[in-house]
Structures are given as C-alpha cells and as structure tokens.
Amino acid sequence: MSKAQDAKKTQKKAAMKTPKEKKAAKKEKKETSKRQ
C-alpha cells in the first residue's frame, strides 16, 4: 500500500469520528430501523 493511500484512509476515519457525524449516523440508523 502506498503512503498516499494510507493517508487518505486515516483521513477518512478521522473525518467519520466527529461528534456531528456520529449523531447523524445514529439518527440514520434509527430511521432505517423504524422503516423496516
């Protein structure tokens, strides 16, 4: 794996772990479970 690819992956992981993203993900999960 190239360093550039590795950096991109870690950036994506860091971006995903912001509180806002977490809350949005939880909301989405709740909405999808309600629909099912």
N, C-alpha and C. Protein backbone atom coordinates (compact mmCIF):
# COMPACT_ATOMS: atom_id res chain seq x y z
N MET A 1 0.85 -1.21 0.00
CA MET A 1 0.00 0.00 0.00
C MET A 1 0.88 1.25 0.00
N SER A 2 0.54 2.21 -0.82
CA SER A 2 1.33 3.44 -0.89
C SER A 2 1.01 4.36 0.28
N LYS A 3 1.94 5.25 0.58
CA LYS A 3 1.72 6.17 1.71
C LYS A 3 0.52 7.07 1.45
N ALA A 4 0.36 7.49 0.21
CA ALA A 4 -0.76 8.39 -0.14
C ALA A 4 -2.09 7.70 0.17
N GLN A 5 -2.21 6.43 -0.22
CA GLN A 5 -3.45 5.70 0.02
C GLN A 5 -3.70 5.57 1.53
N ASP A 6 -2.64 5.26 2.27
CA ASP A 6 -2.77 5.09 3.71
C ASP A 6 -3.23 6.39 4.36
N ALA A 7 -2.65 7.51 3.92
CA ALA A 7 -3.03 8.81 4.48
C ALA A 7 -4.50 9.09 4.21
N LYS A 8 -4.95 8.79 3.00
CA LYS A 8 -6.35 9.02 2.66
C LYS A 8 -7.26 8.21 3.57
N LYS A 9 -6.91 6.98 3.82
CA LYS A 9 -7.75 6.12 4.67
C LYS A 9 -7.83 6.68 6.08
N THR A 10 -6.69 7.08 6.64
CA THR A 10 -6.70 7.60 8.01
C THR A 10 -7.48 8.90 8.07
N GLN A 11 -7.39 9.72 7.02
CA GLN A 11 -8.15 10.97 6.98
C GLN A 11 -9.64 10.66 7.01
N LYS A 12 -10.06 9.70 6.21
CA LYS A 12 -11.48 9.34 6.16
C LYS A 12 -11.94 8.87 7.53
N LYS A 13 -11.15 8.03 8.18
CA LYS A 13 -11.52 7.53 9.50
C LYS A 13 -11.67 8.68 10.49
N ALA A 14 -10.73 9.61 10.46
CA ALA A 14 -10.77 10.75 11.38
C ALA A 14 -12.00 11.60 11.10
N ALA A 15 -12.30 11.79 9.83
CA ALA A 15 -13.45 12.62 9.46
C ALA A 15 -14.75 11.97 9.95
N MET A 16 -14.80 10.65 9.90
CA MET A 16 -16.02 9.94 10.30
C MET A 16 -16.28 10.08 11.80
N LYS A 17 -15.23 10.31 12.58
CA LYS A 17 -15.40 10.24 14.04
C LYS A 17 -15.70 11.59 14.69
N THR A 18 -16.19 12.56 13.92
CA THR A 18 -16.59 13.83 14.54
C THR A 18 -17.94 13.62 15.22
N PRO A 19 -18.21 14.31 16.31
CA PRO A 19 -19.48 14.12 17.03
C PRO A 19 -20.70 14.29 16.13
N LYS A 20 -20.65 15.31 15.27
CA LYS A 20 -21.80 15.54 14.38
C LYS A 20 -22.05 14.32 13.52
N GLU A 21 -20.99 13.77 12.96
CA GLU A 21 -21.14 12.60 12.09
C GLU A 21 -21.73 11.44 12.88
N LYS A 22 -21.25 11.25 14.10
CA LYS A 22 -21.76 10.16 14.93
C LYS A 22 -23.26 10.32 15.17
N LYS A 23 -23.67 11.53 15.53
CA LYS A 23 -25.09 11.78 15.78
C LYS A 23 -25.91 11.53 14.53
N ALA A 24 -25.41 12.00 13.40
CA ALA A 24 -26.12 11.81 12.14
C ALA A 24 -26.25 10.33 11.83
N ALA A 25 -25.18 9.58 12.07
CA ALA A 25 -25.20 8.14 11.79
C ALA A 25 -26.22 7.45 12.70
N LYS A 26 -26.25 7.84 13.96
CA LYS A 26 -27.22 7.24 14.88
C LYS A 26 -28.64 7.53 14.42
N LYS A 27 -28.90 8.78 14.03
CA LYS A 27 -30.23 9.15 13.56
C LYS A 27 -30.61 8.31 12.36
N GLU A 28 -29.68 8.18 11.43
CA GLU A 28 -29.97 7.41 10.22
C GLU A 28 -30.30 5.97 10.57
N LYS A 29 -29.54 5.40 11.50
CA LYS A 29 -29.79 4.01 11.89
C LYS A 29 -31.18 3.88 12.49
N LYS A 30 -31.56 4.82 13.34
CA LYS A 30 -32.88 4.77 13.96
C LYS A 30 -33.97 4.86 12.89
N GLU A 31 -33.79 5.79 11.95
CA GLU A 31 -34.78 5.97 10.89
C GLU A 31 -34.92 4.69 10.06
N THR A 32 -33.79 4.08 9.72
CA THR A 32 -33.85 2.89 8.88
C THR A 32 -34.49 1.73 9.64
N SER A 33 -34.22 1.62 10.94
CA SER A 33 -34.81 0.52 11.71
C SER A 33 -36.32 0.73 11.86
N LYS A 34 -36.75 1.98 11.92
CA LYS A 34 -38.19 2.26 12.02
C LYS A 34 -38.90 1.84 10.75
N ARG A 35 -38.26 2.11 9.61
CA ARG A 35 -38.89 1.81 8.32
C ARG A 35 -39.06 0.31 8.10
N GLN A 36 -38.11 -0.45 8.61
CA GLN A 36 -38.14 -1.89 8.35
C GLN A 36 -39.31 -2.58 9.05
